[in-house]
């Protein structure tokens, strides 16, 4: 059994200053590059082994490899919104031989306390906007729970 628990602020930079992020995976380099600006946001392009797998529009994005399970790599991405309503959102990315799958946005309006990786199941403990109320997301394949219930409202992390 592989279990890894991380405090996200220790893993991910507190600012979004990097214009390029490279994460080594079993299937090649997962690359995040920033392009043109749209207001305060920038357009990010996601590539795996130089093949475009998605685009988004955030103030900035950074990420980290969580681990490997059952032949798949799991990453966590954090996007800064630039707004006062919800400061940042997360997406769990699952990379397999034939596919790259981004989870819907997981709101972390008051920050992220912890991300736990356990045999392909990711548990995110985040804070609501009041920075006190905890919200717990569990991502297990296509199944996403928010505080133990099916996540009903889902917004894409990607813009395409």
N, C-alpha and C. Protein backbone atom coordinates (compact mmCIF):
# COMPACT_ATOMS: atom_id res chain seq x y z
N UNK A 1 0.84 -1.18 0.00
CA UNK A 1 0.00 0.00 0.00
C UNK A 1 0.88 1.23 0.00
N UNK A 2 0.61 2.15 -0.90
CA UNK A 2 1.37 3.38 -1.00
C UNK A 2 0.49 4.54 -0.54
N UNK A 3 0.95 5.24 0.47
CA UNK A 3 0.20 6.38 0.98
C UNK A 3 1.16 7.54 1.12
N UNK A 4 0.78 8.67 0.59
CA UNK A 4 1.63 9.85 0.63
C UNK A 4 0.76 11.03 1.02
N UNK A 5 1.15 11.73 2.05
CA UNK A 5 0.41 12.90 2.50
C UNK A 5 1.32 14.10 2.41
N UNK A 6 0.83 15.17 1.82
CA UNK A 6 1.65 16.36 1.65
C UNK A 6 0.87 17.59 2.05
N UNK A 7 1.58 18.54 2.58
CA UNK A 7 0.99 19.86 2.81
C UNK A 7 1.26 20.66 1.55
N UNK A 8 0.24 20.97 0.81
CA UNK A 8 0.40 21.59 -0.50
C UNK A 8 1.24 22.86 -0.47
N UNK A 9 1.09 23.75 0.51
CA UNK A 9 1.93 24.94 0.50
C UNK A 9 3.42 24.63 0.54
N UNK A 10 3.80 23.49 1.09
CA UNK A 10 5.21 23.13 1.12
C UNK A 10 5.69 22.64 -0.23
N UNK A 11 4.78 22.12 -1.04
CA UNK A 11 5.16 21.58 -2.34
C UNK A 11 5.06 22.59 -3.46
N UNK A 12 4.08 23.42 -3.38
CA UNK A 12 3.80 24.32 -4.49
C UNK A 12 4.16 25.74 -4.09
N UNK A 13 4.74 26.44 -5.00
CA UNK A 13 5.17 27.81 -4.73
C UNK A 13 4.00 28.67 -4.30
N UNK A 14 4.25 29.62 -3.43
CA UNK A 14 3.17 30.47 -2.93
C UNK A 14 2.75 31.51 -3.95
N UNK A 15 3.56 31.75 -4.94
CA UNK A 15 3.17 32.69 -5.99
C UNK A 15 3.17 31.95 -7.32
N UNK A 16 2.63 32.61 -8.32
CA UNK A 16 2.55 32.00 -9.64
C UNK A 16 3.51 32.70 -10.58
N UNK A 17 4.77 32.83 -10.18
CA UNK A 17 5.73 33.58 -10.95
C UNK A 17 6.30 32.78 -12.12
N UNK A 18 6.24 31.47 -12.06
CA UNK A 18 6.85 30.66 -13.10
C UNK A 18 6.02 30.68 -14.37
N UNK A 19 6.67 30.96 -15.49
CA UNK A 19 5.99 30.94 -16.77
C UNK A 19 6.02 29.54 -17.38
N UNK A 20 6.83 28.64 -16.79
CA UNK A 20 6.90 27.28 -17.31
C UNK A 20 7.15 26.32 -16.16
N UNK A 21 6.40 25.22 -16.17
CA UNK A 21 6.55 24.17 -15.16
C UNK A 21 6.72 22.86 -15.92
N UNK A 22 7.72 22.07 -15.56
CA UNK A 22 7.93 20.75 -16.15
C UNK A 22 7.88 19.70 -15.05
N UNK A 23 7.06 18.67 -15.25
CA UNK A 23 6.91 17.59 -14.28
C UNK A 23 7.21 16.28 -15.00
N UNK A 24 8.22 15.56 -14.53
CA UNK A 24 8.56 14.27 -15.13
C UNK A 24 7.55 13.21 -14.71
N UNK A 25 7.03 12.48 -15.70
CA UNK A 25 6.10 11.38 -15.45
C UNK A 25 6.64 10.13 -16.15
N UNK A 26 6.00 9.01 -15.92
CA UNK A 26 6.39 7.76 -16.58
C UNK A 26 6.15 7.80 -18.08
N UNK A 27 5.32 8.73 -18.53
CA UNK A 27 4.94 8.81 -19.94
C UNK A 27 5.55 10.00 -20.65
N UNK A 28 6.51 10.65 -20.04
CA UNK A 28 7.17 11.81 -20.61
C UNK A 28 7.00 13.02 -19.72
N UNK A 29 7.44 14.16 -20.22
CA UNK A 29 7.38 15.40 -19.44
C UNK A 29 6.02 16.06 -19.62
N UNK A 30 5.36 16.34 -18.49
CA UNK A 30 4.12 17.12 -18.48
C UNK A 30 4.55 18.57 -18.33
N UNK A 31 4.22 19.38 -19.32
CA UNK A 31 4.71 20.76 -19.39
C UNK A 31 3.55 21.74 -19.31
N UNK A 32 3.73 22.78 -18.50
CA UNK A 32 2.77 23.88 -18.41
C UNK A 32 3.49 25.13 -18.86
N UNK A 33 3.00 25.76 -19.93
CA UNK A 33 3.58 27.01 -20.40
C UNK A 33 2.50 28.08 -20.42
N UNK A 34 2.93 29.32 -20.21
CA UNK A 34 2.00 30.45 -20.24
C UNK A 34 2.20 31.24 -21.51
N UNK A 35 1.07 31.64 -22.09
CA UNK A 35 1.10 32.42 -23.31
C UNK A 35 0.56 33.81 -23.08
N UNK A 36 -0.24 34.27 -24.03
CA UNK A 36 -0.75 35.64 -23.99
C UNK A 36 -1.66 35.88 -22.79
N UNK A 37 -1.76 37.15 -22.42
CA UNK A 37 -2.62 37.55 -21.31
C UNK A 37 -4.01 37.90 -21.81
N UNK A 38 -4.99 37.57 -20.97
CA UNK A 38 -6.38 37.95 -21.20
C UNK A 38 -6.80 38.68 -19.93
N UNK A 39 -6.66 40.00 -19.91
CA UNK A 39 -6.86 40.75 -18.67
C UNK A 39 -5.76 40.39 -17.70
N UNK A 40 -6.13 40.03 -16.46
CA UNK A 40 -5.11 39.63 -15.49
C UNK A 40 -4.74 38.15 -15.64
N UNK A 41 -5.53 37.42 -16.41
CA UNK A 41 -5.27 36.00 -16.59
C UNK A 41 -4.35 35.76 -17.77
N UNK A 42 -3.72 34.59 -17.76
CA UNK A 42 -2.87 34.17 -18.86
C UNK A 42 -3.42 32.86 -19.39
N UNK A 43 -3.10 32.57 -20.62
CA UNK A 43 -3.51 31.30 -21.22
C UNK A 43 -2.40 30.28 -20.98
N UNK A 44 -2.76 29.17 -20.32
CA UNK A 44 -1.81 28.10 -20.09
C UNK A 44 -2.05 26.99 -21.11
N UNK A 45 -0.96 26.41 -21.58
CA UNK A 45 -1.02 25.25 -22.47
C UNK A 45 -0.37 24.08 -21.74
N UNK A 46 -1.06 22.94 -21.76
CA UNK A 46 -0.57 21.72 -21.11
C UNK A 46 -0.15 20.74 -22.20
N UNK A 47 1.06 20.22 -22.07
CA UNK A 47 1.57 19.26 -23.05
C UNK A 47 2.12 18.04 -22.32
N UNK A 48 1.99 16.90 -22.95
CA UNK A 48 2.65 15.69 -22.51
C UNK A 48 3.50 15.20 -23.67
N UNK A 49 4.80 15.15 -23.45
CA UNK A 49 5.74 14.76 -24.51
C UNK A 49 5.52 15.59 -25.77
N UNK A 50 5.39 16.91 -25.59
CA UNK A 50 5.22 17.90 -26.66
C UNK A 50 3.89 17.82 -27.39
N UNK A 51 2.94 17.02 -26.92
CA UNK A 51 1.60 16.97 -27.53
C UNK A 51 0.65 17.75 -26.63
N UNK A 52 -0.08 18.72 -27.21
CA UNK A 52 -1.02 19.53 -26.44
C UNK A 52 -2.17 18.65 -25.95
N UNK A 53 -2.42 18.72 -24.62
CA UNK A 53 -3.50 17.92 -24.01
C UNK A 53 -4.57 18.81 -23.36
N UNK A 54 -4.37 20.13 -23.39
CA UNK A 54 -5.37 21.02 -22.83
C UNK A 54 -4.88 22.45 -22.71
N UNK A 55 -5.83 23.36 -22.48
CA UNK A 55 -5.53 24.78 -22.26
C UNK A 55 -6.44 25.30 -21.15
N UNK A 56 -5.97 26.34 -20.46
CA UNK A 56 -6.79 26.96 -19.42
C UNK A 56 -6.48 28.45 -19.37
N UNK A 57 -7.30 29.17 -18.61
CA UNK A 57 -7.10 30.61 -18.39
C UNK A 57 -7.15 30.89 -16.90
N UNK A 58 -5.99 31.06 -16.29
CA UNK A 58 -5.87 31.39 -14.88
C UNK A 58 -4.81 32.47 -14.73
N UNK A 59 -4.74 33.07 -13.55
CA UNK A 59 -3.67 34.04 -13.28
C UNK A 59 -2.32 33.33 -13.39
N UNK A 60 -2.28 32.10 -12.95
CA UNK A 60 -1.08 31.26 -13.04
C UNK A 60 -1.41 29.86 -12.59
N UNK A 61 -0.58 28.91 -12.97
CA UNK A 61 -0.78 27.51 -12.59
C UNK A 61 0.57 26.92 -12.21
N UNK A 62 0.56 26.12 -11.16
CA UNK A 62 1.72 25.31 -10.83
C UNK A 62 1.24 23.91 -10.49
N UNK A 63 2.14 23.00 -10.30
CA UNK A 63 1.73 21.62 -10.06
C UNK A 63 2.83 20.77 -9.50
N UNK A 64 2.44 19.55 -9.13
CA UNK A 64 3.37 18.60 -8.51
C UNK A 64 2.91 17.18 -8.79
N UNK A 65 3.86 16.28 -8.97
CA UNK A 65 3.57 14.86 -9.11
C UNK A 65 3.20 14.30 -7.74
N UNK A 66 2.05 13.63 -7.66
CA UNK A 66 1.64 13.00 -6.40
C UNK A 66 2.18 11.59 -6.28
N UNK A 67 2.15 10.84 -7.38
CA UNK A 67 2.64 9.47 -7.32
C UNK A 67 2.17 8.64 -8.49
N UNK A 68 2.50 7.36 -8.41
CA UNK A 68 2.19 6.39 -9.45
C UNK A 68 1.41 5.25 -8.81
N UNK A 69 0.32 4.85 -9.46
CA UNK A 69 -0.45 3.70 -8.98
C UNK A 69 -1.11 3.02 -10.17
N UNK A 70 -1.03 1.71 -10.23
CA UNK A 70 -1.69 0.91 -11.25
C UNK A 70 -1.34 1.38 -12.67
N UNK A 71 -0.08 1.74 -12.87
CA UNK A 71 0.39 2.17 -14.18
C UNK A 71 -0.02 3.57 -14.59
N UNK A 72 -0.56 4.34 -13.67
CA UNK A 72 -0.99 5.71 -13.95
C UNK A 72 -0.25 6.69 -13.05
N UNK A 73 0.05 7.87 -13.60
CA UNK A 73 0.67 8.95 -12.83
C UNK A 73 -0.42 9.92 -12.41
N UNK A 74 -0.29 10.46 -11.20
CA UNK A 74 -1.27 11.41 -10.67
C UNK A 74 -0.55 12.70 -10.31
N UNK A 75 -1.11 13.82 -10.77
CA UNK A 75 -0.58 15.15 -10.49
C UNK A 75 -1.65 15.98 -9.82
N UNK A 76 -1.22 17.00 -9.09
CA UNK A 76 -2.15 18.02 -8.60
C UNK A 76 -1.72 19.34 -9.23
N UNK A 77 -2.69 20.06 -9.79
CA UNK A 77 -2.46 21.39 -10.35
C UNK A 77 -3.22 22.41 -9.53
N UNK A 78 -2.63 23.58 -9.37
CA UNK A 78 -3.28 24.67 -8.65
C UNK A 78 -3.34 25.88 -9.56
N UNK A 79 -4.56 26.40 -9.77
CA UNK A 79 -4.75 27.58 -10.59
C UNK A 79 -5.19 28.76 -9.74
N UNK A 80 -4.54 29.88 -9.94
CA UNK A 80 -4.93 31.11 -9.24
C UNK A 80 -5.99 31.84 -10.04
N UNK A 81 -7.07 32.22 -9.36
CA UNK A 81 -8.19 32.85 -10.06
C UNK A 81 -8.02 34.36 -10.20
N UNK A 82 -7.31 34.96 -9.26
CA UNK A 82 -7.16 36.41 -9.28
C UNK A 82 -8.36 37.14 -8.73
N UNK A 83 -9.36 36.40 -8.27
CA UNK A 83 -10.57 37.02 -7.74
C UNK A 83 -10.64 36.92 -6.24
N UNK A 84 -11.51 37.70 -5.65
CA UNK A 84 -11.65 37.68 -4.19
C UNK A 84 -12.66 36.63 -3.73
N UNK A 85 -13.48 36.10 -4.64
CA UNK A 85 -14.48 35.11 -4.27
C UNK A 85 -13.87 33.76 -3.93
N UNK A 86 -12.96 33.32 -4.73
CA UNK A 86 -12.28 32.04 -4.51
C UNK A 86 -10.87 32.18 -5.06
N UNK A 87 -9.90 32.18 -4.18
CA UNK A 87 -8.53 32.51 -4.56
C UNK A 87 -7.88 31.49 -5.49
N UNK A 88 -8.18 30.20 -5.27
CA UNK A 88 -7.52 29.19 -6.10
C UNK A 88 -8.39 27.95 -6.25
N UNK A 89 -8.09 27.21 -7.30
CA UNK A 89 -8.77 25.95 -7.57
C UNK A 89 -7.72 24.90 -7.87
N UNK A 90 -8.08 23.65 -7.64
CA UNK A 90 -7.18 22.53 -7.92
C UNK A 90 -7.78 21.63 -8.98
N UNK A 91 -6.93 20.88 -9.64
CA UNK A 91 -7.38 19.81 -10.52
C UNK A 91 -6.43 18.63 -10.32
N UNK A 92 -7.00 17.44 -10.27
CA UNK A 92 -6.21 16.22 -10.20
C UNK A 92 -6.09 15.70 -11.62
N UNK A 93 -4.86 15.47 -12.06
CA UNK A 93 -4.61 14.99 -13.42
C UNK A 93 -4.15 13.54 -13.35
N UNK A 94 -4.83 12.69 -14.11
CA UNK A 94 -4.46 11.28 -14.18
C UNK A 94 -3.91 11.02 -15.58
N UNK A 95 -2.68 10.53 -15.63
CA UNK A 95 -2.01 10.28 -16.90
C UNK A 95 -1.80 8.77 -17.05
N UNK A 96 -2.31 8.23 -18.15
CA UNK A 96 -2.08 6.82 -18.47
C UNK A 96 -1.40 6.75 -19.83
N UNK A 97 -1.15 5.55 -20.28
CA UNK A 97 -0.47 5.37 -21.57
C UNK A 97 -1.22 6.05 -22.70
N UNK A 98 -2.55 6.00 -22.65
CA UNK A 98 -3.36 6.49 -23.77
C UNK A 98 -4.18 7.74 -23.49
N UNK A 99 -4.11 8.28 -22.26
CA UNK A 99 -5.05 9.35 -21.92
C UNK A 99 -4.48 10.28 -20.85
N UNK A 100 -4.91 11.53 -20.92
CA UNK A 100 -4.65 12.52 -19.87
C UNK A 100 -6.00 13.07 -19.46
N UNK A 101 -6.35 12.90 -18.18
CA UNK A 101 -7.67 13.28 -17.69
C UNK A 101 -7.53 14.31 -16.57
N UNK A 102 -8.17 15.47 -16.74
CA UNK A 102 -8.18 16.54 -15.74
C UNK A 102 -9.49 16.47 -14.98
N UNK A 103 -9.43 16.48 -13.65
CA UNK A 103 -10.67 16.51 -12.87
C UNK A 103 -11.31 17.89 -13.01
N UNK A 104 -12.60 17.99 -12.69
CA UNK A 104 -13.21 19.32 -12.60
C UNK A 104 -12.48 20.14 -11.53
N UNK A 105 -12.74 21.42 -11.51
CA UNK A 105 -12.12 22.31 -10.52
C UNK A 105 -12.58 21.96 -9.12
N UNK A 106 -11.63 21.88 -8.21
CA UNK A 106 -11.91 21.67 -6.79
C UNK A 106 -11.60 22.99 -6.10
N UNK A 107 -12.63 23.68 -5.61
CA UNK A 107 -12.44 25.00 -5.02
C UNK A 107 -11.66 24.93 -3.71
N UNK A 108 -10.66 25.78 -3.62
CA UNK A 108 -9.88 25.94 -2.39
C UNK A 108 -9.84 27.43 -2.09
N UNK A 109 -11.03 27.98 -1.83
CA UNK A 109 -11.19 29.43 -1.73
C UNK A 109 -10.37 30.05 -0.60
N UNK A 110 -10.18 29.32 0.49
CA UNK A 110 -9.39 29.82 1.61
C UNK A 110 -8.04 29.17 1.74
N UNK A 111 -7.64 28.39 0.73
CA UNK A 111 -6.35 27.72 0.75
C UNK A 111 -6.48 26.21 0.84
N UNK A 112 -5.34 25.55 0.79
CA UNK A 112 -5.27 24.09 0.84
C UNK A 112 -4.51 23.68 2.09
N UNK A 113 -5.10 22.78 2.87
CA UNK A 113 -4.42 22.27 4.06
C UNK A 113 -3.57 21.05 3.74
N UNK A 114 -4.11 20.13 2.93
CA UNK A 114 -3.42 18.87 2.72
C UNK A 114 -3.91 18.18 1.46
N UNK A 115 -3.01 17.44 0.83
CA UNK A 115 -3.37 16.57 -0.29
C UNK A 115 -2.77 15.21 0.04
N UNK A 116 -3.63 14.19 0.04
CA UNK A 116 -3.18 12.84 0.38
C UNK A 116 -3.39 11.91 -0.80
N UNK A 117 -2.36 11.15 -1.15
CA UNK A 117 -2.41 10.19 -2.24
C UNK A 117 -2.30 8.80 -1.65
N UNK A 118 -3.33 7.96 -1.88
CA UNK A 118 -3.35 6.63 -1.30
C UNK A 118 -3.88 5.64 -2.33
N UNK A 119 -2.97 4.90 -2.97
CA UNK A 119 -3.35 3.88 -3.96
C UNK A 119 -4.30 4.42 -5.03
N UNK A 120 -3.98 5.57 -5.59
CA UNK A 120 -4.78 6.14 -6.67
C UNK A 120 -5.98 6.95 -6.22
N UNK A 121 -6.22 7.02 -4.92
CA UNK A 121 -7.31 7.84 -4.39
C UNK A 121 -6.68 9.10 -3.79
N UNK A 122 -7.18 10.25 -4.22
CA UNK A 122 -6.63 11.53 -3.75
C UNK A 122 -7.66 12.19 -2.86
N UNK A 123 -7.22 12.59 -1.67
CA UNK A 123 -8.07 13.31 -0.74
C UNK A 123 -7.47 14.70 -0.54
N UNK A 124 -8.26 15.71 -0.82
CA UNK A 124 -7.84 17.11 -0.67
C UNK A 124 -8.62 17.72 0.47
N UNK A 125 -7.91 18.29 1.43
CA UNK A 125 -8.55 19.05 2.50
C UNK A 125 -8.26 20.51 2.22
N UNK A 126 -9.32 21.26 1.93
CA UNK A 126 -9.20 22.67 1.59
C UNK A 126 -10.04 23.48 2.57
N UNK A 127 -9.92 24.79 2.46
CA UNK A 127 -10.69 25.70 3.31
C UNK A 127 -11.64 26.52 2.47
N UNK A 128 -12.80 26.80 3.05
CA UNK A 128 -13.76 27.70 2.41
C UNK A 128 -13.22 29.13 2.50
N UNK A 129 -13.95 30.04 1.92
CA UNK A 129 -13.52 31.44 1.85
C UNK A 129 -13.28 32.05 3.23
N UNK A 130 -13.99 31.57 4.27
CA UNK A 130 -13.80 32.11 5.62
C UNK A 130 -12.48 31.66 6.25
N UNK A 131 -11.75 30.78 5.57
CA UNK A 131 -10.45 30.24 6.00
C UNK A 131 -10.53 29.43 7.29
N UNK A 132 -11.74 28.99 7.66
CA UNK A 132 -11.93 28.16 8.86
C UNK A 132 -12.68 26.88 8.54
N UNK A 133 -13.70 26.99 7.70
CA UNK A 133 -14.54 25.84 7.37
C UNK A 133 -13.80 24.94 6.39
N UNK A 134 -13.66 23.67 6.77
CA UNK A 134 -12.96 22.70 5.93
C UNK A 134 -13.93 22.06 4.93
N UNK A 135 -13.38 21.79 3.75
CA UNK A 135 -14.10 21.01 2.75
C UNK A 135 -13.15 19.89 2.33
N UNK A 136 -13.71 18.69 2.22
CA UNK A 136 -12.90 17.52 1.88
C UNK A 136 -13.36 16.96 0.54
N UNK A 137 -12.44 16.90 -0.41
CA UNK A 137 -12.71 16.31 -1.72
C UNK A 137 -12.01 14.96 -1.79
N UNK A 138 -12.71 13.97 -2.31
CA UNK A 138 -12.11 12.66 -2.55
C UNK A 138 -12.27 12.35 -4.03
N UNK A 139 -11.15 12.15 -4.71
CA UNK A 139 -11.15 11.85 -6.14
C UNK A 139 -10.69 10.41 -6.32
N UNK A 140 -11.60 9.59 -6.85
CA UNK A 140 -11.32 8.17 -7.08
C UNK A 140 -11.80 7.85 -8.49
N UNK A 141 -10.90 7.90 -9.44
CA UNK A 141 -11.28 7.72 -10.85
C UNK A 141 -12.19 8.85 -11.28
N UNK A 142 -13.34 8.52 -11.83
CA UNK A 142 -14.31 9.53 -12.27
C UNK A 142 -15.21 9.99 -11.13
N UNK A 143 -15.16 9.30 -10.01
CA UNK A 143 -16.02 9.60 -8.87
C UNK A 143 -15.38 10.70 -8.01
N UNK A 144 -16.12 11.79 -7.80
CA UNK A 144 -15.62 12.90 -6.98
C UNK A 144 -16.64 13.18 -5.88
N UNK A 145 -16.17 13.11 -4.65
CA UNK A 145 -17.01 13.40 -3.50
C UNK A 145 -16.58 14.72 -2.88
N UNK A 146 -17.58 15.49 -2.45
CA UNK A 146 -17.34 16.73 -1.72
C UNK A 146 -18.00 16.57 -0.36
N UNK A 147 -17.20 16.53 0.68
CA UNK A 147 -17.69 16.28 2.04
C UNK A 147 -18.54 15.00 2.11
N UNK A 148 -18.07 13.95 1.41
CA UNK A 148 -18.71 12.65 1.47
C UNK A 148 -19.90 12.44 0.55
N UNK A 149 -20.29 13.47 -0.20
CA UNK A 149 -21.44 13.36 -1.11
C UNK A 149 -20.97 13.62 -2.53
N UNK A 150 -21.70 13.06 -3.50
CA UNK A 150 -21.34 13.29 -4.89
C UNK A 150 -21.26 14.78 -5.18
N UNK A 151 -20.18 15.19 -5.82
CA UNK A 151 -20.00 16.60 -6.18
C UNK A 151 -20.99 16.92 -7.30
N UNK A 152 -21.92 17.81 -7.02
CA UNK A 152 -23.00 18.10 -7.97
C UNK A 152 -22.59 19.17 -8.98
N UNK A 153 -22.08 20.28 -8.50
CA UNK A 153 -21.70 21.38 -9.38
C UNK A 153 -20.25 21.19 -9.79
N UNK A 154 -20.06 20.98 -11.09
CA UNK A 154 -18.70 20.74 -11.60
C UNK A 154 -18.38 21.76 -12.68
N UNK A 155 -17.27 22.45 -12.49
CA UNK A 155 -16.77 23.39 -13.48
C UNK A 155 -15.43 22.88 -13.97
N UNK A 156 -15.23 22.95 -15.28
CA UNK A 156 -13.99 22.45 -15.86
C UNK A 156 -12.79 23.29 -15.46
N UNK A 157 -11.68 22.63 -15.24
CA UNK A 157 -10.41 23.31 -14.98
C UNK A 157 -9.85 23.84 -16.30
N UNK A 158 -10.10 23.10 -17.37
CA UNK A 158 -9.63 23.49 -18.69
C UNK A 158 -10.63 24.42 -19.36
N UNK A 159 -10.13 25.24 -20.29
CA UNK A 159 -11.01 26.17 -20.99
C UNK A 159 -11.43 25.65 -22.36
N UNK A 160 -10.89 24.52 -22.78
CA UNK A 160 -11.26 24.01 -24.11
C UNK A 160 -12.08 22.77 -24.03
